[in-house]
Amino acid sequence: MVAGAGRRVKLKDVCDRITVGHVGPMADSYSSTGVPFLRSQNIAAFRLDLDDIKFIPPPFHEKLRKSALRPGDVAVVRTGYPGTACVIPDRFPELNCADLVVITPSKDLNPYYLAAIFNSAWGVASVAGNLVGAAQQHFNVGAARELEVALPPRAVQDRVAGILSAYDELIENSQRRIRILETMARTLYREWFVHFRFPGHEDISRDPSSVGDIPKGWEVKALKDVADVTYGFPFQSKGFNTTGLGVPVIRIRDLIEASITTFTNEPAESKYHVRNGDILVGMDGEFHMCIWSSGPALQNQRVAKFHSRGEIGNFHLFLAMELPIQTWNNSIVGTTVAHLGDMHIKTIQIPWPPANLRAKARLVLEPMSQQIITLKGQIQNLRRTRDFLLPRLLSRAS
């Protein structure tokens, strides 16, 4: 955005509403169903991240009517990554939120164009210059109302929004295909290896085992007997940079999006090198898991890497690890944060089918995994292209 270019306006003059989401304790107010309730971690640049979405009962939603969101509203993060913004899509008729800036643009302001302003380098810098708070800085409603932006005619805004939203539509299509593939893979894994309804199961009896009754002829194997496990290297954080110098370093926070913003020139042994298809698990916090898809990188400490020794496919291994890792995630209690250690990983056991069934699973699951990795790579490229175009489009529009 070019400073001083175009008609300069304050957001409060071109928005019908600028308010803040609910601020206060929420742990006892969530329900298993109801109205979706957004938090900072659910807001990514230009999109909602529905992982770990919470819900609140409709009566509580009515009580918090001030912080309700509707399609076309812009939700802006206040703390964590302040200024990150997305537009509420039409598929959610109503939501509520905590600790977000909620903006309802007027007819003079395209919501997607406003989100683009917030997500641009100019927007990030402007928000950073308006943060308040001593211990944890945040972007408050007063600063949002007074934020001054260059506002081109609505037709120009619509053209910019149309270009950027086309990229997001392609990204969403790829994400939808990934969700379908992951659902298919998990369904097959549960049918064959949890419920034991694999081809020919009708004629096979069950025997007791350390993980419960399993089909006759199956075994139970320890995870560390069928997979190589590598714990990350303690890179010196003072050597990290975000300007792309050196080799990408995978930190725990990178596992959610499988994208990297940290680089280092510090050398590391080959065992700490990560490639597409490797299974990564964060060992602190919520033990996020992913099959890496963002190209060669290095493995930082507190990130564990798993790779099948070849008797089962890597996607089969990933699916076999999910429930045990989630179980540990729900049961480990730390003083401030949960920690996954080697002692926990050593306890993980996997139902082990005969070779012919392992081979059948590989034929089905591994092509799915490759498709997912390819689609995630396409998403990364689309985001990079969109982010490259963003400042140029805004500059021309202003």
Protein backbone atom coordinates (compact mmCIF):
# COMPACT_ATOMS: atom_id res chain seq x y z
CA MET A 1 0.00 0.00 0.00
CA VAL A 2 1.39 3.41 -0.94
CA ALA A 3 1.35 5.84 1.96
CA GLY A 4 -0.71 8.92 1.14
CA ALA A 5 -2.16 7.39 -2.04
CA GLY A 6 -5.93 7.31 -2.69
CA ARG A 7 -8.67 8.56 -0.36
CA ARG A 8 -7.51 8.16 3.25
CA VAL A 9 -10.16 7.06 5.71
CA LYS A 10 -10.36 5.74 9.23
CA LEU A 11 -11.91 2.31 9.58
CA LYS A 12 -14.55 3.66 11.95
CA ASP A 13 -15.84 5.84 9.11
CA VAL A 14 -16.32 2.97 6.61
CA CYS A 15 -17.45 0.15 8.92
CA ASP A 16 -20.86 -0.45 10.45
CA ARG A 17 -19.41 -2.21 13.49
CA ILE A 18 -16.01 -2.61 15.14
CA THR A 19 -16.15 -4.52 18.39
CA VAL A 20 -14.29 -7.14 20.38
CA GLY A 21 -15.10 -10.79 20.99
CA HIS A 22 -15.88 -12.11 24.45
CA VAL A 23 -13.09 -11.54 26.96
CA GLY A 24 -13.20 -13.77 30.00
CA PRO A 25 -12.94 -17.41 31.17
CA MET A 26 -14.52 -19.93 28.78
CA ALA A 27 -13.33 -23.41 29.82
CA ASP A 28 -16.61 -24.31 31.55
CA SER A 29 -18.84 -22.82 28.84
CA TYR A 30 -18.04 -25.06 25.88
CA SER A 31 -20.42 -27.74 24.64
CA SER A 32 -20.04 -30.69 22.28
CA THR A 33 -22.42 -29.09 19.76
CA GLY A 34 -24.03 -25.72 19.25
CA VAL A 35 -22.77 -22.45 17.80
CA PRO A 36 -19.14 -22.53 16.53
CA PHE A 37 -16.90 -20.43 18.76
CA LEU A 38 -13.75 -18.96 17.23
CA ARG A 39 -10.49 -18.23 19.02
CA SER A 40 -7.21 -16.72 17.81
CA GLN A 41 -5.90 -20.10 16.64
CA ASN A 42 -8.91 -20.48 14.33
CA ILE A 43 -8.00 -17.36 12.33
CA ALA A 44 -5.39 -17.77 9.58
CA ALA A 45 -4.60 -15.33 6.79
CA PHE A 46 -7.65 -15.26 4.48
CA ARG A 47 -9.22 -18.42 5.95
CA LEU A 48 -10.70 -20.11 8.96
CA ASP A 49 -8.74 -22.95 10.54
CA LEU A 50 -11.38 -25.27 11.97
CA ASP A 51 -8.97 -27.61 13.75
CA ASP A 52 -9.93 -27.79 17.41
CA ILE A 53 -12.99 -25.61 16.87
CA LYS A 54 -15.08 -25.10 20.00
CA PHE A 55 -18.86 -24.77 20.42
CA ILE A 56 -21.12 -22.94 22.84
CA PRO A 57 -24.80 -23.58 23.70
CA PRO A 58 -27.33 -21.34 21.85
CA PRO A 59 -28.48 -19.60 25.10
CA PHE A 60 -24.89 -18.55 25.84
CA HIS A 61 -24.54 -17.39 22.23
CA GLU A 62 -27.59 -15.17 22.72
CA LYS A 63 -26.01 -13.77 25.88
CA LEU A 64 -22.86 -12.93 23.87
CA ARG A 65 -24.79 -11.36 20.99
CA LYS A 66 -22.35 -8.41 20.93
CA SER A 67 -19.52 -10.70 19.77
CA ALA A 68 -21.55 -12.70 17.22
CA LEU A 69 -20.13 -12.97 13.71
CA ARG A 70 -22.03 -13.28 10.45
CA PRO A 71 -21.02 -14.00 6.84
CA GLY A 72 -19.06 -11.09 5.41
CA ASP A 73 -17.67 -9.97 8.78
CA VAL A 74 -13.90 -9.69 9.11
CA ALA A 75 -12.31 -11.42 12.12
CA VAL A 76 -8.93 -10.03 13.22
CA VAL A 77 -6.54 -11.64 15.72
CA ARG A 78 -5.77 -9.52 18.78
CA THR A 79 -3.00 -11.56 20.46
CA GLY A 80 -0.48 -14.12 19.26
CA TYR A 81 -0.27 -13.06 15.60
CA PRO A 82 -2.12 -9.73 15.89
CA GLY A 83 -3.65 -8.40 12.68
CA THR A 84 -4.09 -11.77 10.98
CA ALA A 85 -7.50 -11.54 9.32
CA CYS A 86 -10.08 -13.54 7.40
CA VAL A 87 -13.62 -13.07 6.13
CA ILE A 88 -16.39 -15.21 7.63
CA PRO A 89 -17.63 -17.40 4.74
CA ASP A 90 -21.28 -17.94 3.77
CA ARG A 91 -21.32 -21.55 4.97
CA PHE A 92 -21.44 -20.32 8.57
CA PRO A 93 -24.73 -18.46 9.12
CA GLU A 94 -23.64 -17.47 12.61
CA LEU A 95 -20.66 -17.85 14.92
CA ASN A 96 -19.31 -16.32 18.11
CA CYS A 97 -15.79 -15.63 19.29
CA ALA A 98 -13.38 -14.75 22.06
CA ASP A 99 -10.64 -12.13 22.04
CA LEU A 100 -10.96 -11.19 18.34
CA VAL A 101 -11.60 -7.82 16.75
CA VAL A 102 -14.90 -8.16 14.86
CA ILE A 103 -15.49 -5.80 11.93
CA THR A 104 -18.64 -5.40 9.82
CA PRO A 105 -17.66 -3.34 6.75
CA SER A 106 -20.12 -0.89 5.22
CA LYS A 107 -21.17 -1.10 1.57
CA ASP A 108 -18.20 1.14 0.72
CA LEU A 109 -15.66 -1.45 1.83
CA ASN A 110 -15.20 -4.93 0.36
CA PRO A 111 -14.62 -7.33 3.31
CA TYR A 112 -12.04 -9.37 1.42
CA TYR A 113 -10.20 -6.19 0.45
CA LEU A 114 -10.10 -5.21 4.14
CA ALA A 115 -8.72 -8.65 5.07
CA ALA A 116 -6.07 -8.18 2.37
CA ILE A 117 -5.03 -4.86 3.92
CA PHE A 118 -4.61 -6.48 7.34
CA ASN A 119 -2.68 -9.46 5.92
CA SER A 120 -0.32 -7.31 3.84
CA ALA A 121 3.13 -6.24 5.02
CA TRP A 122 1.74 -2.73 5.44
CA GLY A 123 -1.09 -4.06 7.59
CA VAL A 124 1.22 -6.19 9.73
CA ALA A 125 3.50 -3.20 10.33
CA SER A 126 0.57 -0.88 11.08
CA VAL A 127 -0.94 -3.28 13.60
CA ALA A 128 2.47 -3.87 15.20
CA GLY A 129 2.78 -0.12 15.70
CA ASN A 130 -0.53 -0.02 17.56
CA LEU A 131 -0.11 -2.87 20.04
CA VAL A 132 -0.75 -2.28 23.73
CA GLY A 133 -0.11 -4.26 26.89
CA ALA A 134 2.94 -5.02 28.97
CA ALA A 135 3.07 -8.79 29.47
CA GLN A 136 1.17 -9.85 26.33
CA GLN A 137 0.69 -7.23 23.66
CA HIS A 138 -2.58 -7.09 21.79
CA PHE A 139 -4.39 -5.12 19.09
CA ASN A 140 -7.35 -3.38 20.67
CA VAL A 141 -10.64 -2.09 19.28
CA GLY A 142 -9.70 1.56 19.74
CA ALA A 143 -6.62 1.15 17.53
CA ALA A 144 -8.70 -0.71 14.91
CA ARG A 145 -11.26 2.09 14.78
CA GLU A 146 -8.59 4.74 14.30
CA LEU A 147 -6.54 2.75 11.74
CA GLU A 148 -6.21 4.89 8.61
CA VAL A 149 -6.18 3.19 5.22
CA ALA A 150 -6.17 4.19 1.58
CA LEU A 151 -9.58 3.43 0.08
CA PRO A 152 -9.97 3.13 -3.72
CA PRO A 153 -13.41 3.02 -5.38
CA ARG A 154 -15.49 -0.07 -4.57
CA ALA A 155 -15.11 -1.40 -8.13
CA VAL A 156 -11.32 -1.40 -7.74
CA GLN A 157 -11.59 -3.12 -4.36
CA ASP A 158 -13.83 -5.77 -5.91
CA ARG A 159 -11.31 -6.50 -8.67
CA VAL A 160 -8.49 -6.94 -6.16
CA ALA A 161 -10.69 -9.12 -3.95
CA GLY A 162 -11.71 -11.21 -6.96
CA ILE A 163 -8.10 -11.97 -7.90
CA LEU A 164 -7.06 -12.89 -4.37
CA SER A 165 -10.20 -14.90 -3.62
CA ALA A 166 -9.63 -16.96 -6.80
CA TYR A 167 -6.39 -18.20 -5.27
CA ASP A 168 -8.14 -18.97 -2.00
CA GLU A 169 -10.84 -20.90 -3.86
CA LEU A 170 -8.15 -23.06 -5.49
CA ILE A 171 -6.53 -23.55 -2.07
CA GLU A 172 -9.88 -24.52 -0.52
CA ASN A 173 -10.55 -27.01 -3.35
CA SER A 174 -7.20 -28.68 -2.68
CA GLN A 175 -7.86 -28.72 1.06
CA ARG A 176 -11.26 -30.31 0.44
CA ARG A 177 -9.63 -33.05 -1.64
CA ILE A 178 -7.09 -33.62 1.15
CA ARG A 179 -9.87 -33.96 3.73
CA ILE A 180 -11.65 -36.50 1.53
CA LEU A 181 -8.48 -38.56 1.07
CA GLU A 182 -7.67 -38.45 4.79
CA THR A 183 -11.21 -39.50 5.68
CA MET A 184 -11.03 -42.42 3.25
CA ALA A 185 -7.66 -43.52 4.63
CA ARG A 186 -8.77 -43.32 8.27
CA THR A 187 -11.98 -45.19 7.48
CA LEU A 188 -10.04 -48.00 5.82
CA TYR A 189 -7.55 -48.15 8.69
CA ARG A 190 -10.31 -48.38 11.31
CA GLU A 191 -12.16 -51.05 9.37
CA TRP A 192 -9.12 -53.27 8.78
CA PHE A 193 -6.89 -52.64 11.78
CA VAL A 194 -9.17 -51.48 14.60
CA HIS A 195 -12.47 -53.26 13.97
CA PHE A 196 -10.64 -56.07 12.10
CA ARG A 197 -13.18 -56.16 9.25
CA PHE A 198 -10.52 -56.76 6.59
CA PRO A 199 -11.07 -58.93 3.47
CA GLY A 200 -11.65 -62.52 4.65
CA HIS A 201 -12.10 -61.65 8.34
CA GLU A 202 -15.30 -63.70 8.59
CA ASP A 203 -13.40 -66.99 8.78
CA ILE A 204 -10.76 -65.92 11.31
CA SER A 205 -11.16 -66.29 15.08
CA ARG A 206 -9.71 -63.94 17.72
CA ASP A 207 -6.93 -64.46 20.26
CA PRO A 208 -6.22 -62.35 23.37
CA SER A 209 -3.24 -59.97 23.26
CA SER A 210 -1.74 -57.03 25.15
CA VAL A 211 -3.96 -54.64 23.13
CA GLY A 212 -7.13 -56.73 23.35
CA ASP A 213 -8.47 -59.52 21.18
CA ILE A 214 -6.85 -59.62 17.73
CA PRO A 215 -7.36 -61.93 14.73
CA LYS A 216 -5.62 -65.30 14.93
CA GLY A 217 -2.25 -65.13 13.20
CA TRP A 218 -1.72 -61.44 13.99
CA GLU A 219 0.99 -60.13 16.34
CA VAL A 220 1.49 -57.04 18.48
CA LYS A 221 4.70 -55.10 17.86
CA ALA A 222 6.27 -52.15 19.62
CA LEU A 223 6.42 -48.98 17.54
CA LYS A 224 10.20 -48.73 18.00
CA ASP A 225 10.61 -52.25 16.55
CA VAL A 226 9.00 -51.31 13.23
CA ALA A 227 10.02 -47.65 12.84
CA ASP A 228 13.18 -45.59 13.15
CA VAL A 229 12.76 -42.72 15.62
CA THR A 230 14.96 -39.61 15.62
CA TYR A 231 14.70 -36.78 18.14
CA GLY A 232 15.52 -33.29 16.88
CA PHE A 233 18.80 -31.41 17.07
CA PRO A 234 19.24 -28.54 19.60
CA PHE A 235 19.97 -25.77 17.11
CA GLN A 236 21.15 -22.47 18.59
CA SER A 237 18.15 -20.13 18.40
CA LYS A 238 20.47 -17.12 18.19
CA GLY A 239 21.52 -18.45 14.77
CA PHE A 240 17.93 -18.50 13.42
CA ASN A 241 16.77 -16.04 10.78
CA THR A 242 13.53 -15.38 8.91
CA THR A 243 15.16 -13.98 5.76
CA GLY A 244 15.77 -17.33 4.06
CA LEU A 245 19.49 -17.65 4.75
CA GLY A 246 20.59 -21.28 5.03
CA VAL A 247 18.34 -24.31 5.43
CA PRO A 248 14.73 -24.34 6.74
CA VAL A 249 14.33 -25.55 10.34
CA ILE A 250 11.14 -27.31 11.42
CA ARG A 251 9.93 -26.18 14.83
CA ILE A 252 6.88 -27.50 16.70
CA ARG A 253 4.72 -24.59 15.57
CA ASP A 254 5.46 -25.46 11.92
CA LEU A 255 3.76 -28.85 12.14
CA ILE A 256 0.22 -27.47 12.04
CA GLU A 257 0.56 -25.82 8.62
CA ALA A 258 3.60 -27.83 7.46
CA SER A 259 5.25 -24.55 6.48
CA ILE A 260 8.48 -22.93 7.67
CA THR A 261 9.59 -19.37 8.42
CA THR A 262 12.83 -20.17 10.29
CA PHE A 263 16.26 -20.81 8.70
CA THR A 264 19.76 -21.57 9.93
CA ASN A 265 23.31 -21.93 8.64
CA GLU A 266 24.24 -24.22 11.54
CA PRO A 267 25.31 -27.66 10.25
CA ALA A 268 23.56 -30.85 11.38
CA GLU A 269 24.07 -34.57 10.79
CA SER A 270 22.14 -36.25 8.01
CA LYS A 271 19.87 -38.03 10.50
CA TYR A 272 18.29 -34.64 11.29
CA HIS A 273 17.38 -34.03 7.64
CA VAL A 274 13.65 -34.22 6.90
CA ARG A 275 12.12 -35.09 3.53
CA ASN A 276 8.60 -35.29 2.19
CA GLY A 277 6.79 -38.32 3.57
CA ASP A 278 8.54 -38.34 6.96
CA ILE A 279 6.23 -38.49 9.97
CA LEU A 280 6.78 -35.65 12.46
CA VAL A 281 5.36 -35.31 15.97
CA GLY A 282 5.60 -32.29 18.26
CA MET A 283 6.74 -33.39 21.72
CA ASP A 284 5.39 -30.40 23.66
CA GLY A 285 1.91 -28.93 23.94
CA GLU A 286 -0.72 -30.80 21.92
CA PHE A 287 1.61 -33.32 20.20
CA HIS A 288 0.65 -32.25 16.68
CA MET A 289 1.37 -34.86 13.98
CA CYS A 290 1.92 -34.49 10.27
CA ILE A 291 3.35 -36.23 7.24
CA TRP A 292 5.86 -33.65 6.05
CA SER A 293 5.15 -32.16 2.62
CA SER A 294 7.09 -28.90 2.37
CA GLY A 295 10.43 -30.10 1.03
CA PRO A 296 13.89 -30.69 2.53
CA ALA A 297 14.44 -29.20 5.98
CA LEU A 298 16.16 -29.76 9.31
CA GLN A 299 14.55 -31.15 12.46
CA ASN A 300 14.68 -28.95 15.54
CA GLN A 301 14.68 -30.25 19.12
CA ARG A 302 11.36 -31.41 20.58
CA VAL A 303 10.26 -32.56 17.13
CA ALA A 304 10.35 -36.35 16.72
CA LYS A 305 10.75 -38.00 13.32
CA PHE A 306 9.42 -41.48 12.52
CA HIS A 307 10.04 -43.55 9.42
CA SER A 308 8.85 -47.07 8.69
CA ARG A 309 11.57 -49.67 8.31
CA GLY A 310 9.70 -50.98 5.26
CA GLU A 311 7.42 -53.71 6.53
CA ILE A 312 4.45 -51.33 6.40
CA GLY A 313 3.96 -48.15 4.40
CA ASN A 314 4.61 -44.79 6.05
CA PHE A 315 0.94 -43.75 5.83
CA HIS A 316 -0.05 -47.03 7.53
CA LEU A 317 2.48 -46.22 10.25
CA PHE A 318 1.10 -42.68 10.64
CA LEU A 319 -2.47 -43.94 11.02
CA ALA A 320 -1.35 -46.60 13.51
CA MET A 321 0.35 -43.92 15.63
CA GLU A 322 -2.52 -41.44 15.71
CA LEU A 323 -4.67 -42.96 18.45
CA PRO A 324 -1.77 -43.80 20.82
CA ILE A 325 -0.32 -40.30 20.43
CA GLN A 326 -3.75 -38.74 21.01
CA THR A 327 -4.21 -40.95 24.06
CA TRP A 328 -0.92 -39.75 25.53
CA ASN A 329 -1.89 -36.18 24.61
CA ASN A 330 -5.06 -36.53 26.69
CA SER A 331 -3.40 -38.24 29.65
CA ILE A 332 -0.04 -36.49 30.14
CA VAL A 333 -0.26 -33.58 32.54
CA GLY A 334 2.67 -31.22 32.96
CA THR A 335 3.12 -28.28 35.29
CA THR A 336 2.56 -25.77 32.49
CA VAL A 337 2.64 -27.83 29.28
CA ALA A 338 2.47 -31.53 28.39
CA HIS A 339 5.71 -33.23 27.30
CA LEU A 340 5.96 -36.37 25.20
CA GLY A 341 9.12 -38.36 25.89
CA ASP A 342 10.94 -41.48 24.77
CA MET A 343 9.46 -43.35 27.74
CA HIS A 344 5.96 -42.73 26.32
CA ILE A 345 6.90 -43.63 22.74
CA LYS A 346 8.41 -46.92 23.91
CA THR A 347 5.02 -48.02 25.24
CA ILE A 348 3.19 -47.63 21.90
CA GLN A 349 2.14 -50.97 20.44
CA ILE A 350 0.67 -51.71 17.01
CA PRO A 351 -1.57 -54.60 15.89
CA TRP A 352 0.56 -56.37 13.29
CA PRO A 353 -1.26 -58.17 10.45
CA PRO A 354 0.16 -60.88 8.18
CA ALA A 355 2.35 -59.83 5.25
CA ASN A 356 -0.40 -60.21 2.62
CA LEU A 357 -2.70 -57.76 4.42
CA ARG A 358 0.15 -55.30 5.01
CA ALA A 359 0.83 -55.41 1.27
CA LYS A 360 -2.84 -54.78 0.42
CA ALA A 361 -2.91 -51.79 2.78
CA ARG A 362 0.24 -50.38 1.19
CA LEU A 363 -1.30 -50.58 -2.30
CA VAL A 364 -4.28 -48.52 -1.15
CA LEU A 365 -2.80 -46.12 1.40
CA GLU A 366 0.54 -45.07 -0.10
CA PRO A 367 -0.95 -43.59 -3.34
CA MET A 368 -3.34 -41.61 -1.14
CA SER A 369 -0.40 -40.30 0.86
CA GLN A 370 1.42 -39.23 -2.30
CA GLN A 371 -1.69 -37.42 -3.54
CA ILE A 372 -1.98 -35.59 -0.21
CA ILE A 373 1.70 -34.56 -0.30
CA THR A 374 1.28 -33.29 -3.88
CA LEU A 375 -1.86 -31.33 -3.01
CA LYS A 376 -0.18 -29.76 0.03
CA GLY A 377 2.72 -28.72 -2.19
CA GLN A 378 0.26 -27.09 -4.59
CA ILE A 379 -1.32 -25.22 -1.68
CA GLN A 380 2.09 -23.90 -0.61
CA ASN A 381 2.76 -22.67 -4.16
CA LEU A 382 -0.66 -21.00 -4.41
CA ARG A 383 -0.14 -19.22 -1.09
CA ARG A 384 3.31 -18.02 -2.11
CA THR A 385 1.95 -16.67 -5.39
CA ARG A 386 -0.98 -14.98 -3.65
CA ASP A 387 1.31 -13.41 -1.05
CA PHE A 388 3.66 -12.25 -3.82
CA LEU A 389 0.77 -10.57 -5.65
CA LEU A 390 -0.83 -9.07 -2.55
CA PRO A 391 1.37 -5.95 -2.08
CA ARG A 392 1.42 -5.26 -5.82
CA LEU A 393 -2.36 -5.43 -6.12
CA LEU A 394 -2.85 -3.19 -3.11
CA SER A 395 -0.26 -0.71 -4.37
CA ARG A 396 -1.92 -0.42 -7.76
CA ALA A 397 -5.37 -0.15 -6.20
CA SER A 398 -4.28 2.68 -3.93
